[in-house]
């Protein structure tokens, strides 16, 4: 998956690395603020 993503990003290695870091940060923020709070309401941890 990461190889596929790396090949699809435009630019040189430095630009690709910056884009990849931004994408990873966005996915992390989406999980942290949207998915995890939603999931915690619907899952019961005894």
N, C-alpha and C. Protein backbone atom coordinates (compact mmCIF):
# COMPACT_ATOMS: atom_id res chain seq x y z
N UNK A 1 0.82 -1.19 0.00
CA UNK A 1 0.00 0.00 0.00
C UNK A 1 0.87 1.25 0.00
N UNK A 2 1.89 1.28 0.83
CA UNK A 2 2.72 2.48 0.90
C UNK A 2 3.52 2.68 -0.38
N UNK A 3 3.94 1.60 -0.99
CA UNK A 3 4.64 1.70 -2.26
C UNK A 3 3.74 2.26 -3.34
N UNK A 4 2.50 1.82 -3.35
CA UNK A 4 1.53 2.34 -4.32
C UNK A 4 1.32 3.82 -4.10
N UNK A 5 1.15 4.23 -2.84
CA UNK A 5 0.96 5.63 -2.52
C UNK A 5 2.19 6.46 -2.89
N UNK A 6 3.37 5.94 -2.60
CA UNK A 6 4.60 6.65 -2.90
C UNK A 6 4.74 6.89 -4.40
N UNK A 7 4.39 5.90 -5.20
CA UNK A 7 4.49 6.05 -6.66
C UNK A 7 3.45 7.02 -7.21
N UNK A 8 2.31 7.17 -6.56
CA UNK A 8 1.24 8.04 -7.05
C UNK A 8 1.45 9.51 -6.68
N UNK A 9 2.23 9.80 -5.66
CA UNK A 9 2.44 11.19 -5.25
C UNK A 9 3.34 11.91 -6.26
N UNK A 10 2.99 13.15 -6.60
CA UNK A 10 3.82 13.90 -7.54
C UNK A 10 5.04 14.50 -6.87
N UNK A 11 6.05 14.87 -7.66
CA UNK A 11 7.22 15.55 -7.15
C UNK A 11 8.38 14.62 -6.89
N UNK A 12 9.43 15.21 -6.36
CA UNK A 12 10.63 14.47 -6.02
C UNK A 12 10.50 13.82 -4.66
N UNK A 13 11.57 13.17 -4.21
CA UNK A 13 11.51 12.47 -2.92
C UNK A 13 11.18 13.37 -1.73
N UNK A 14 11.72 14.59 -1.70
CA UNK A 14 11.43 15.48 -0.57
C UNK A 14 9.97 15.92 -0.58
N UNK A 15 9.45 16.23 -1.76
CA UNK A 15 8.04 16.64 -1.87
C UNK A 15 7.12 15.48 -1.53
N UNK A 16 7.48 14.28 -1.97
CA UNK A 16 6.67 13.10 -1.66
C UNK A 16 6.66 12.84 -0.16
N UNK A 17 7.80 12.98 0.48
CA UNK A 17 7.88 12.75 1.91
C UNK A 17 7.00 13.76 2.66
N UNK A 18 7.06 15.03 2.26
CA UNK A 18 6.24 16.05 2.90
C UNK A 18 4.76 15.76 2.70
N UNK A 19 4.38 15.37 1.50
CA UNK A 19 2.98 15.05 1.23
C UNK A 19 2.52 13.83 2.02
N UNK A 20 3.38 12.84 2.11
CA UNK A 20 3.05 11.64 2.86
C UNK A 20 2.87 11.95 4.34
N UNK A 21 3.72 12.80 4.90
CA UNK A 21 3.59 13.18 6.31
C UNK A 21 2.30 13.95 6.56
N UNK A 22 1.94 14.83 5.64
CA UNK A 22 0.69 15.58 5.77
C UNK A 22 -0.51 14.63 5.69
N UNK A 23 -0.46 13.69 4.75
CA UNK A 23 -1.56 12.72 4.64
C UNK A 23 -1.69 11.87 5.90
N UNK A 24 -0.57 11.43 6.44
CA UNK A 24 -0.61 10.62 7.66
C UNK A 24 -1.16 11.43 8.84
N UNK A 25 -0.77 12.70 8.92
CA UNK A 25 -1.28 13.56 9.99
C UNK A 25 -2.79 13.76 9.85
N UNK A 26 -3.26 13.96 8.62
CA UNK A 26 -4.70 14.13 8.41
C UNK A 26 -5.49 12.87 8.76
N UNK A 27 -4.96 11.73 8.39
CA UNK A 27 -5.64 10.47 8.74
C UNK A 27 -5.65 10.30 10.26
N UNK A 28 -4.55 10.60 10.91
CA UNK A 28 -4.49 10.50 12.37
C UNK A 28 -5.48 11.42 13.05
N UNK A 29 -5.58 12.66 12.57
CA UNK A 29 -6.53 13.60 13.15
C UNK A 29 -7.97 13.17 12.91
N UNK A 30 -8.24 12.66 11.72
CA UNK A 30 -9.58 12.16 11.43
C UNK A 30 -9.96 11.02 12.37
N UNK A 31 -9.03 10.10 12.58
CA UNK A 31 -9.30 9.00 13.50
C UNK A 31 -9.50 9.50 14.93
N UNK A 32 -8.64 10.41 15.36
CA UNK A 32 -8.64 10.88 16.74
C UNK A 32 -9.91 11.66 17.09
N UNK A 33 -10.36 12.52 16.16
CA UNK A 33 -11.47 13.41 16.48
C UNK A 33 -12.83 12.95 15.95
N UNK A 34 -12.86 12.01 15.02
CA UNK A 34 -14.14 11.60 14.44
C UNK A 34 -14.42 10.12 14.71
N UNK A 35 -13.53 9.26 14.31
CA UNK A 35 -13.81 7.82 14.36
C UNK A 35 -13.78 7.30 15.79
N UNK A 36 -12.75 7.61 16.56
CA UNK A 36 -12.64 7.07 17.90
C UNK A 36 -13.76 7.54 18.83
N UNK A 37 -14.12 8.84 18.83
CA UNK A 37 -15.26 9.24 19.67
C UNK A 37 -16.56 8.55 19.27
N UNK A 38 -16.79 8.41 17.97
CA UNK A 38 -18.00 7.73 17.52
C UNK A 38 -17.98 6.27 17.97
N UNK A 39 -16.84 5.62 17.80
CA UNK A 39 -16.75 4.21 18.17
C UNK A 39 -16.89 4.01 19.68
N UNK A 40 -16.37 4.92 20.47
CA UNK A 40 -16.46 4.76 21.92
C UNK A 40 -17.90 4.86 22.41
N UNK A 41 -18.76 5.57 21.69
CA UNK A 41 -20.16 5.64 22.07
C UNK A 41 -20.91 4.35 21.76
N UNK A 42 -20.45 3.63 20.75
CA UNK A 42 -21.16 2.45 20.29
C UNK A 42 -20.55 1.13 20.77
N UNK A 43 -19.40 1.20 21.41
CA UNK A 43 -18.76 -0.02 21.92
C UNK A 43 -18.75 0.04 23.44
N UNK A 44 -19.07 -1.07 24.04
CA UNK A 44 -19.04 -1.09 25.52
C UNK A 44 -17.82 -1.90 25.96
N UNK A 45 -17.02 -1.28 26.77
CA UNK A 45 -15.85 -1.95 27.34
C UNK A 45 -16.14 -2.20 28.81
N UNK A 46 -16.45 -3.43 29.13
CA UNK A 46 -16.84 -3.77 30.52
C UNK A 46 -15.67 -3.62 31.40
